[in-house]
Protein backbone atom coordinates (compact mmCIF):
# COMPACT_ATOMS: atom_id res chain seq x y z
CA MET A 1 -199.95 -24.88 34.86
CA ASN A 2 -203.50 -25.32 35.28
CA ASP A 3 -205.97 -24.73 38.00
CA ASP A 4 -205.97 -28.19 39.33
CA SER A 5 -202.27 -28.68 39.86
CA ASP A 6 -202.27 -25.07 41.41
CA ARG A 7 -204.66 -25.85 43.65
CA GLY A 8 -202.91 -29.31 44.50
CA LEU A 9 -199.59 -27.70 44.97
CA ALA A 10 -201.42 -25.26 47.19
CA GLU A 11 -202.92 -27.68 49.43
CA ALA A 12 -199.60 -29.71 49.82
CA ALA A 13 -197.90 -26.46 51.04
CA ARG A 14 -200.69 -26.37 53.60
CA ARG A 15 -200.52 -29.70 54.68
CA GLN A 16 -196.57 -29.19 55.33
CA LEU A 17 -197.17 -25.74 57.16
CA ASP A 18 -199.75 -27.51 59.36
CA ARG A 19 -197.28 -30.21 60.17
CA HIS A 20 -194.58 -27.98 60.81
CA ALA A 21 -197.05 -25.81 62.94
CA GLU A 22 -198.11 -28.86 65.25
CA ALA A 23 -194.42 -29.82 65.83
CA VAL A 24 -193.53 -26.64 67.31
CA ASP A 25 -193.20 -27.06 71.14
CA GLU A 26 -195.49 -25.39 73.63
CA LEU A 27 -192.27 -22.90 74.87
CA THR A 28 -191.91 -21.73 71.47
CA ALA A 29 -196.17 -21.56 70.62
CA ALA A 30 -196.02 -19.65 73.93
CA ARG A 31 -193.56 -17.04 72.94
CA LEU A 32 -194.69 -16.64 69.85
CA ALA A 33 -198.17 -15.96 70.81
CA ALA A 34 -196.97 -13.74 73.10
CA LEU A 35 -195.19 -11.86 70.49
CA ARG A 36 -198.28 -11.56 68.26
CA ARG A 37 -200.06 -10.24 71.10
CA ARG A 38 -197.79 -7.48 71.43
CA ALA A 39 -197.53 -6.61 67.94
CA LEU A 40 -201.62 -6.60 67.82
CA LEU A 41 -201.46 -4.05 70.83
CA GLN A 42 -198.76 -1.85 69.33
CA ALA A 43 -200.74 -1.97 65.98
CA THR A 44 -203.28 0.57 66.95
CA PRO A 45 -205.15 2.16 63.99
CA ARG A 46 -204.81 5.44 62.89
CA ARG A 47 -207.45 7.87 63.33
CA LEU A 48 -207.64 11.21 60.97
CA PRO A 49 -206.88 14.60 62.53
CA ARG A 50 -210.31 16.13 63.30
CA TRP A 51 -209.33 18.82 61.46
CA LEU A 52 -209.51 17.10 58.22
CA PRO A 53 -213.01 16.74 57.23
CA ALA A 54 -213.63 20.67 57.93
CA ALA A 55 -210.37 21.20 55.75
CA ALA A 56 -212.23 19.05 52.73
CA VAL A 57 -215.27 20.60 52.61
CA ALA A 58 -213.40 24.27 53.17
CA ALA A 59 -211.71 23.51 50.01
CA ALA A 60 -214.85 21.76 47.97
CA ALA A 61 -216.70 24.92 48.67
CA LEU A 62 -213.62 27.42 47.23
CA LEU A 63 -213.50 24.98 44.17
CA ALA A 64 -217.25 25.35 43.94
CA VAL A 65 -217.24 29.33 44.31
CA LEU A 66 -214.30 29.74 41.80
CA LEU A 67 -216.04 27.67 39.13
CA TRP A 68 -219.26 29.61 39.25
CA MET A 69 -217.31 33.13 39.47
CA GLN A 70 -215.09 31.73 36.27
CA PRO A 71 -217.39 33.27 33.74
CA LEU A 72 -217.17 36.59 35.95
CA LEU A 73 -213.92 36.83 35.88
CA ARG A 74 -212.89 36.25 32.05
CA THR A 75 -212.40 39.14 30.15
CA THR A 76 -215.68 40.71 28.63
CA ALA A 77 -214.10 42.97 26.19
CA PRO A 78 -215.30 42.88 22.14
CA GLY A 79 -213.63 39.74 20.70
CA GLY A 80 -212.10 38.55 24.25
CA GLY A 81 -209.32 41.45 24.33
CA LEU A 82 -207.11 39.52 22.52
CA GLU A 83 -207.08 41.96 19.24
CA LEU A 84 -206.60 44.54 21.35
CA VAL A 85 -203.46 43.28 22.99
CA ALA A 86 -201.92 41.82 19.29
CA SER A 87 -203.03 44.76 17.22
CA SER A 88 -200.28 45.92 14.98
CA GLU A 89 -200.42 49.91 16.52
CA ASP A 90 -199.65 48.64 19.53
CA LEU A 91 -196.47 46.71 18.74
CA GLU A 92 -195.53 49.47 16.62
CA LEU A 93 -195.97 51.93 20.14
CA ILE A 94 -193.84 49.32 22.07
CA GLU A 95 -191.30 49.13 19.18
CA ASP A 96 -191.35 53.09 19.23
CA LEU A 97 -190.74 52.87 22.99
CA GLU A 98 -187.97 50.60 22.50
CA PHE A 99 -186.35 53.19 20.29
CA TYR A 100 -186.48 55.72 22.52
CA ASP A 101 -185.17 54.00 25.38
CA TRP A 102 -182.15 53.07 23.26
CA LEU A 103 -182.07 56.68 21.87
CA GLU A 104 -181.94 57.91 25.50
CA GLU A 105 -178.95 55.33 26.40
CA THR A 106 -176.96 56.26 23.74
CA GLN A 107 -177.41 60.08 24.33
CA ALA A 108 -176.80 59.31 27.88
CA GLY A 109 -173.54 57.44 27.28
CA SER A 110 -171.84 60.15 24.96
CA SER A 111 -172.37 63.31 27.36
């Protein structure tokens, strides 16, 4: 459909609805108006809690401090410290500890 036919359809629908609205009797119109007023009175706008802006400011300040402190919290060891953790000597030490744990368990079970 093109814009002209859409506009024509919308205008025809508007005219039809206006005719039906004018044909409503006074009693129905009064009841509808009363229901509308009651609905508008019940629909009070929601207010934000008073503490919410303060909490948002505190969260933003905490985030700013954490971002500012981030370089200080990183490991300052030469090479970033990863070489120390992943060195082959450390892996051998861990394997030796596992061997000694196994040896202790087997000796405790045999005695």
